[in-house]
C-alpha atoms as a PDB file:
ATOM      1  CA  UNK A   1      -7.482 -21.249   8.109  1.00  0.00           C
ATOM      2  CA  UNK A   2      -6.739 -22.470   4.594  1.00  0.00           C
ATOM      3  CA  UNK A   3      -4.611 -25.649   4.818  1.00  0.00           C
ATOM      4  CA  UNK A   4      -1.740 -24.150   2.818  1.00  0.00           C
ATOM      5  CA  UNK A   5      -0.861 -22.012   5.877  1.00  0.00           C
ATOM      6  CA  UNK A   6      -0.734 -24.931   8.350  1.00  0.00           C
ATOM      7  CA  UNK A   7       2.862 -25.733   7.429  1.00  0.00           C
ATOM      8  CA  UNK A   8       3.906 -22.099   7.742  1.00  0.00           C
ATOM      9  CA  UNK A   9       2.448 -21.901  11.245  1.00  0.00           C
ATOM     10  CA  UNK A  10       4.015 -25.260  12.136  1.00  0.00           C
ATOM     11  CA  UNK A  11       7.387 -23.813  11.110  1.00  0.00           C
ATOM     12  CA  UNK A  12       7.076 -21.436  14.056  1.00  0.00           C
ATOM     13  CA  UNK A  13       5.380 -23.943  16.378  1.00  0.00           C
ATOM     14  CA  UNK A  14       8.180 -26.490  15.915  1.00  0.00           C
ATOM     15  CA  UNK A  15      10.962 -24.149  17.074  1.00  0.00           C
ATOM     16  CA  UNK A  16      12.886 -25.775  19.935  1.00  0.00           C
ATOM     17  CA  UNK A  17      11.788 -24.756  23.412  1.00  0.00           C
ATOM     18  CA  UNK A  18       8.165 -23.927  22.649  1.00  0.00           C
ATOM     19  CA  UNK A  19       5.483 -25.319  24.922  1.00  0.00           C
ATOM     20  CA  UNK A  20       2.289 -26.963  23.751  1.00  0.00           C
ATOM     21  CA  UNK A  21       0.204 -24.205  25.346  1.00  0.00           C
ATOM     22  CA  UNK A  22       2.113 -21.577  23.350  1.00  0.00           C
ATOM     23  CA  UNK A  23       1.422 -23.497  20.172  1.00  0.00           C
ATOM     24  CA  UNK A  24      -2.265 -23.992  20.990  1.00  0.00           C
ATOM     25  CA  UNK A  25      -2.647 -20.252  21.535  1.00  0.00           C
ATOM     26  CA  UNK A  26      -0.686 -19.543  18.343  1.00  0.00           C
ATOM     27  CA  UNK A  27      -2.881 -21.801  16.207  1.00  0.00           C
ATOM     28  CA  UNK A  28      -6.018 -20.369  17.839  1.00  0.00           C
ATOM     29  CA  UNK A  29      -4.923 -16.783  17.152  1.00  0.00           C
ATOM     30  CA  UNK A  30      -3.933 -17.550  13.552  1.00  0.00           C
ATOM     31  CA  UNK A  31      -7.220 -19.349  12.936  1.00  0.00           C
ATOM     32  CA  UNK A  32      -9.227 -16.502  14.448  1.00  0.00           C
ATOM     33  CA  UNK A  33      -7.304 -13.916  12.414  1.00  0.00           C
ATOM     34  CA  UNK A  34      -7.719 -15.830   9.153  1.00  0.00           C
ATOM     35  CA  UNK A  35     -11.448 -16.339   9.729  1.00  0.00           C
ATOM     36  CA  UNK A  36     -11.926 -12.668  10.590  1.00  0.00           C
ATOM     37  CA  UNK A  37      -9.955 -11.806   7.454  1.00  0.00           C
ATOM     38  CA  UNK A  38     -12.225 -13.944   5.284  1.00  0.00           C
ATOM     39  CA  UNK A  39     -15.346 -12.347   6.762  1.00  0.00           C
ATOM     40  CA  UNK A  40     -13.936  -8.853   6.155  1.00  0.00           C
ATOM     41  CA  UNK A  41     -12.767  -9.570   2.623  1.00  0.00           C
ATOM     42  CA  UNK A  42     -16.026 -11.081   1.432  1.00  0.00           C
ATOM     43  CA  UNK A  43     -17.968  -8.229   2.989  1.00  0.00           C
ATOM     44  CA  UNK A  44     -15.754  -5.827   1.015  1.00  0.00           C
ATOM     45  CA  UNK A  45     -15.899  -7.864  -2.204  1.00  0.00           C
ATOM     46  CA  UNK A  46     -19.685  -7.770  -2.307  1.00  0.00           C
ATOM     47  CA  UNK A  47     -19.798  -4.139  -1.198  1.00  0.00           C
ATOM     48  CA  UNK A  48     -17.539  -2.925  -4.040  1.00  0.00           C
ATOM     49  CA  UNK A  49     -18.343  -5.559  -6.685  1.00  0.00           C
ATOM     50  CA  UNK A  50     -15.268  -4.860  -8.868  1.00  0.00           C
ATOM     51  CA  UNK A  51     -14.867  -6.828 -12.078  1.00  0.00           C
ATOM     52  CA  UNK A  52     -12.041  -9.286 -12.593  1.00  0.00           C
ATOM     53  CA  UNK A  53      -9.236  -8.815 -15.146  1.00  0.00           C
ATOM     54  CA  UNK A  54     -10.858 -11.326 -17.504  1.00  0.00           C
ATOM     55  CA  UNK A  55     -14.020  -9.224 -17.665  1.00  0.00           C
ATOM     56  CA  UNK A  56     -12.134  -5.946 -17.973  1.00  0.00           C
ATOM     57  CA  UNK A  57      -9.778  -7.165 -20.693  1.00  0.00           C
ATOM     58  CA  UNK A  58     -12.484  -8.854 -22.702  1.00  0.00           C
ATOM     59  CA  UNK A  59     -14.609  -5.700 -22.485  1.00  0.00           C
ATOM     60  CA  UNK A  60     -11.906  -3.061 -22.938  1.00  0.00           C
ATOM     61  CA  UNK A  61     -13.946  -1.444 -25.685  1.00  0.00           C
ATOM     62  CA  UNK A  62     -16.826  -0.541 -23.346  1.00  0.00           C
ATOM     63  CA  UNK A  63     -14.961   0.564 -20.209  1.00  0.00           C
ATOM     64  CA  UNK A  64     -15.133   4.274 -20.967  1.00  0.00           C
ATOM     65  CA  UNK A  65     -11.379   4.536 -21.540  1.00  0.00           C
ATOM     66  CA  UNK A  66     -10.310   5.171 -25.125  1.00  0.00           C
ATOM     67  CA  UNK A  67      -6.773   3.962 -24.301  1.00  0.00           C
ATOM     68  CA  UNK A  68      -7.915   0.360 -23.738  1.00  0.00           C
ATOM     69  CA  UNK A  69      -8.815  -2.167 -26.374  1.00  0.00           C
ATOM     70  CA  UNK A  70     -10.893  -5.302 -26.275  1.00  0.00           C
ATOM     71  CA  UNK A  71      -9.171  -8.698 -26.254  1.00  0.00           C
ATOM     72  CA  UNK A  72     -12.025 -11.232 -26.393  1.00  0.00           C
ATOM     73  CA  UNK A  73      -9.801 -14.320 -26.233  1.00  0.00           C
ATOM     74  CA  UNK A  74      -7.655 -13.359 -23.207  1.00  0.00           C
ATOM     75  CA  UNK A  75      -7.479 -15.981 -20.442  1.00  0.00           C
ATOM     76  CA  UNK A  76      -5.874 -15.924 -16.993  1.00  0.00           C
ATOM     77  CA  UNK A  77      -3.440 -18.683 -15.995  1.00  0.00           C
ATOM     78  CA  UNK A  78      -5.894 -20.115 -13.454  1.00  0.00           C
ATOM     79  CA  UNK A  79      -9.658 -20.389 -13.341  1.00  0.00           C
ATOM     80  CA  UNK A  80     -11.208 -17.086 -12.332  1.00  0.00           C
ATOM     81  CA  UNK A  81     -12.990 -17.240  -8.963  1.00  0.00           C
ATOM     82  CA  UNK A  82     -16.747 -16.712  -9.096  1.00  0.00           C
ATOM     83  CA  UNK A  83     -16.870 -13.724  -6.761  1.00  0.00           C
ATOM     84  CA  UNK A  84     -15.923 -10.044  -7.111  1.00  0.00           C
ATOM     85  CA  UNK A  85     -12.276  -9.085  -7.453  1.00  0.00           C
ATOM     86  CA  UNK A  86     -11.575  -6.430  -4.796  1.00  0.00           C
ATOM     87  CA  UNK A  87      -9.819  -6.872  -2.414  1.00  0.00           C
ATOM     88  CA  UNK A  88      -7.604  -9.946  -2.733  1.00  0.00           C
ATOM     89  CA  UNK A  89      -8.749 -12.710  -0.358  1.00  0.00           C
ATOM     90  CA  UNK A  90      -5.526 -14.719  -0.543  1.00  0.00           C
ATOM     91  CA  UNK A  91      -3.567 -11.566   0.255  1.00  0.00           C
ATOM     92  CA  UNK A  92      -5.682 -10.678   3.279  1.00  0.00           C
ATOM     93  CA  UNK A  93      -5.375 -14.166   4.760  1.00  0.00           C
ATOM     94  CA  UNK A  94      -1.613 -14.383   4.133  1.00  0.00           C
ATOM     95  CA  UNK A  95      -1.071 -10.994   5.777  1.00  0.00           C
ATOM     96  CA  UNK A  96      -3.313 -11.815   8.761  1.00  0.00           C
ATOM     97  CA  UNK A  97      -1.427 -15.079   9.334  1.00  0.00           C
ATOM     98  CA  UNK A  98       1.866 -13.243   8.820  1.00  0.00           C
ATOM     99  CA  UNK A  99       1.022 -10.525  11.350  1.00  0.00           C
ATOM    100  CA  UNK A 100       0.226 -13.097  14.035  1.00  0.00           C
ATOM    101  CA  UNK A 101       3.408 -15.035  13.275  1.00  0.00           C
ATOM    102  CA  UNK A 102       5.504 -11.851  13.353  1.00  0.00           C
ATOM    103  CA  UNK A 103       4.082 -10.925  16.755  1.00  0.00           C
ATOM    104  CA  UNK A 104       4.790 -14.442  18.018  1.00  0.00           C
ATOM    105  CA  UNK A 105       8.384 -14.391  16.741  1.00  0.00           C
ATOM    106  CA  UNK A 106       9.001 -10.833  17.869  1.00  0.00           C
ATOM    107  CA  UNK A 107      12.579  -9.709  17.340  1.00  0.00           C
ATOM    108  CA  UNK A 108      13.914 -13.259  17.408  1.00  0.00           C
ATOM    109  CA  UNK A 109      15.105 -15.129  14.345  1.00  0.00           C
ATOM    110  CA  UNK A 110      12.485 -16.243  11.854  1.00  0.00           C
ATOM    111  CA  UNK A 111      12.570 -19.981  11.222  1.00  0.00           C
ATOM    112  CA  UNK A 112      12.425 -21.159   7.641  1.00  0.00           C
ATOM    113  CA  UNK A 113       8.717 -20.991   6.819  1.00  0.00           C
ATOM    114  CA  UNK A 114       7.701 -24.007   4.762  1.00  0.00           C
ATOM    115  CA  UNK A 115       4.447 -25.395   3.472  1.00  0.00           C
ATOM    116  CA  UNK A 116       3.562 -28.245   1.149  1.00  0.00           C
ATOM    117  CA  UNK A 117       0.756 -28.159  -1.403  1.00  0.00           C
ATOM    118  CA  UNK A 118      -1.249 -31.329  -1.825  1.00  0.00           C
ATOM    119  CA  UNK A 119      -3.025 -29.675  -4.762  1.00  0.00           C
ATOM    120  CA  UNK A 120       0.347 -29.242  -6.493  1.00  0.00           C
ATOM    121  CA  UNK A 121       1.436 -32.833  -5.951  1.00  0.00           C
ATOM    122  CA  UNK A 122       3.372 -32.315  -2.726  1.00  0.00           C
ATOM    123  CA  UNK A 123       5.487 -29.393  -3.903  1.00  0.00           C
ATOM    124  CA  UNK A 124       7.055 -27.527  -0.969  1.00  0.00           C
ATOM    125  CA  UNK A 125       7.706 -23.772  -0.825  1.00  0.00           C
ATOM    126  CA  UNK A 126       9.832 -21.982   1.751  1.00  0.00           C
ATOM    127  CA  UNK A 127      10.459 -18.388   2.763  1.00  0.00           C
ATOM    128  CA  UNK A 128      13.115 -16.857   5.000  1.00  0.00           C
ATOM    129  CA  UNK A 129      10.945 -13.859   5.944  1.00  0.00           C
ATOM    130  CA  UNK A 130       7.236 -13.398   6.555  1.00  0.00           C
ATOM    131  CA  UNK A 131       7.156 -10.405   4.214  1.00  0.00           C
ATOM    132  CA  UNK A 132       8.543 -12.620   1.429  1.00  0.00           C
ATOM    133  CA  UNK A 133       5.585 -14.968   1.881  1.00  0.00           C
ATOM    134  CA  UNK A 134       2.978 -12.215   1.818  1.00  0.00           C
ATOM    135  CA  UNK A 135       4.591 -10.514  -1.174  1.00  0.00           C
ATOM    136  CA  UNK A 136       4.721 -13.786  -3.095  1.00  0.00           C
ATOM    137  CA  UNK A 137       1.021 -14.372  -2.468  1.00  0.00           C
ATOM    138  CA  UNK A 138       0.290 -10.831  -3.667  1.00  0.00           C
ATOM    139  CA  UNK A 139       2.352 -11.255  -6.841  1.00  0.00           C
ATOM    140  CA  UNK A 140       0.974 -14.718  -7.575  1.00  0.00           C
ATOM    141  CA  UNK A 141      -2.596 -13.432  -7.736  1.00  0.00           C
ATOM    142  CA  UNK A 142      -1.535 -10.843 -10.315  1.00  0.00           C
ATOM    143  CA  UNK A 143       0.592 -13.291 -12.298  1.00  0.00           C
ATOM    144  CA  UNK A 144      -2.322 -15.753 -12.275  1.00  0.00           C
ATOM    145  CA  UNK A 145      -4.429 -13.055 -13.911  1.00  0.00           C
ATOM    146  CA  UNK A 146      -7.201 -12.877 -11.331  1.00  0.00           C
ATOM    147  CA  UNK A 147      -6.329  -9.643  -9.457  1.00  0.00           C
ATOM    148  CA  UNK A 148      -5.000  -6.132  -9.939  1.00  0.00           C
ATOM    149  CA  UNK A 149      -1.998  -4.794  -7.964  1.00  0.00           C
ATOM    150  CA  UNK A 150      -4.148  -2.444  -5.865  1.00  0.00           C
ATOM    151  CA  UNK A 151      -6.360  -5.307  -4.701  1.00  0.00           C
ATOM    152  CA  UNK A 152      -3.318  -7.162  -3.400  1.00  0.00           C
ATOM    153  CA  UNK A 153      -1.937  -4.117  -1.640  1.00  0.00           C
ATOM    154  CA  UNK A 154      -5.284  -3.299  -0.024  1.00  0.00           C
ATOM    155  CA  UNK A 155      -5.840  -6.952   0.932  1.00  0.00           C
ATOM    156  CA  UNK A 156      -2.368  -7.158   2.472  1.00  0.00           C
ATOM    157  CA  UNK A 157      -2.918  -3.968   4.485  1.00  0.00           C
ATOM    158  CA  UNK A 158      -6.320  -5.212   5.696  1.00  0.00           C
ATOM    159  CA  UNK A 159      -4.832  -8.567   6.653  1.00  0.00           C
ATOM    160  CA  UNK A 160      -2.041  -6.998   8.690  1.00  0.00           C
ATOM    161  CA  UNK A 161      -4.540  -4.887  10.616  1.00  0.00           C
ATOM    162  CA  UNK A 162      -6.762  -7.888  11.290  1.00  0.00           C
ATOM    163  CA  UNK A 163      -3.775  -9.994  12.363  1.00  0.00           C
ATOM    164  CA  UNK A 164      -2.587  -7.250  14.707  1.00  0.00           C
ATOM    165  CA  UNK A 165      -6.066  -7.050  16.220  1.00  0.00           C
ATOM    166  CA  UNK A 166      -6.059 -10.811  16.772  1.00  0.00           C
ATOM    167  CA  UNK A 167      -2.698 -10.496  18.522  1.00  0.00           C
ATOM    168  CA  UNK A 168      -4.011  -7.855  20.929  1.00  0.00           C
ATOM    169  CA  UNK A 169      -7.120  -9.930  21.649  1.00  0.00           C
ATOM    170  CA  UNK A 170      -5.724 -13.485  21.757  1.00  0.00           C
ATOM    171  CA  UNK A 171      -1.964 -13.479  22.314  1.00  0.00           C
ATOM    172  CA  UNK A 172      -1.682 -11.425  25.467  1.00  0.00           C
ATOM    173  CA  UNK A 173       0.483 -12.957  28.205  1.00  0.00           C
ATOM    174  CA  UNK A 174      -1.377 -15.345  30.500  1.00  0.00           C
ATOM    175  CA  UNK A 175      -1.935 -14.084  34.038  1.00  0.00           C
END
């Protein structure tokens, strides 16, 4: 699981009254779901091989659409990853983690979900709802300039399905 999600999972694990075995199973299920999500997303990325926004925008004159123009100097806000665009990997992992956490929380109150980024100098981010986290990840990839909206939506849907599968396989009540 990418380290940025450790704090989010800990936000649930640190709720009063939880047992260490519950938390071990939670971390195992989240890790399994996020790894399955990464396998699925990279299989899809290399199956579809969609170009990134930087390539599309810089080559708008040769995309077969007369309504688009070329902008050869356009740059995204972050460095473009060196793999195909579709679907969004960050979105699939966030949604897989979110689905496991939602199943673990159930209908109870959601604790404040917080994580800290070492890469951003210790900046902390918090969310009151799991859906807020997954939507922020989706939007961030678009705002960064490395994904299209559809890739985030598809990645999020894939991640939820993978997370739900992990729940049925790994978070069943102990006998």
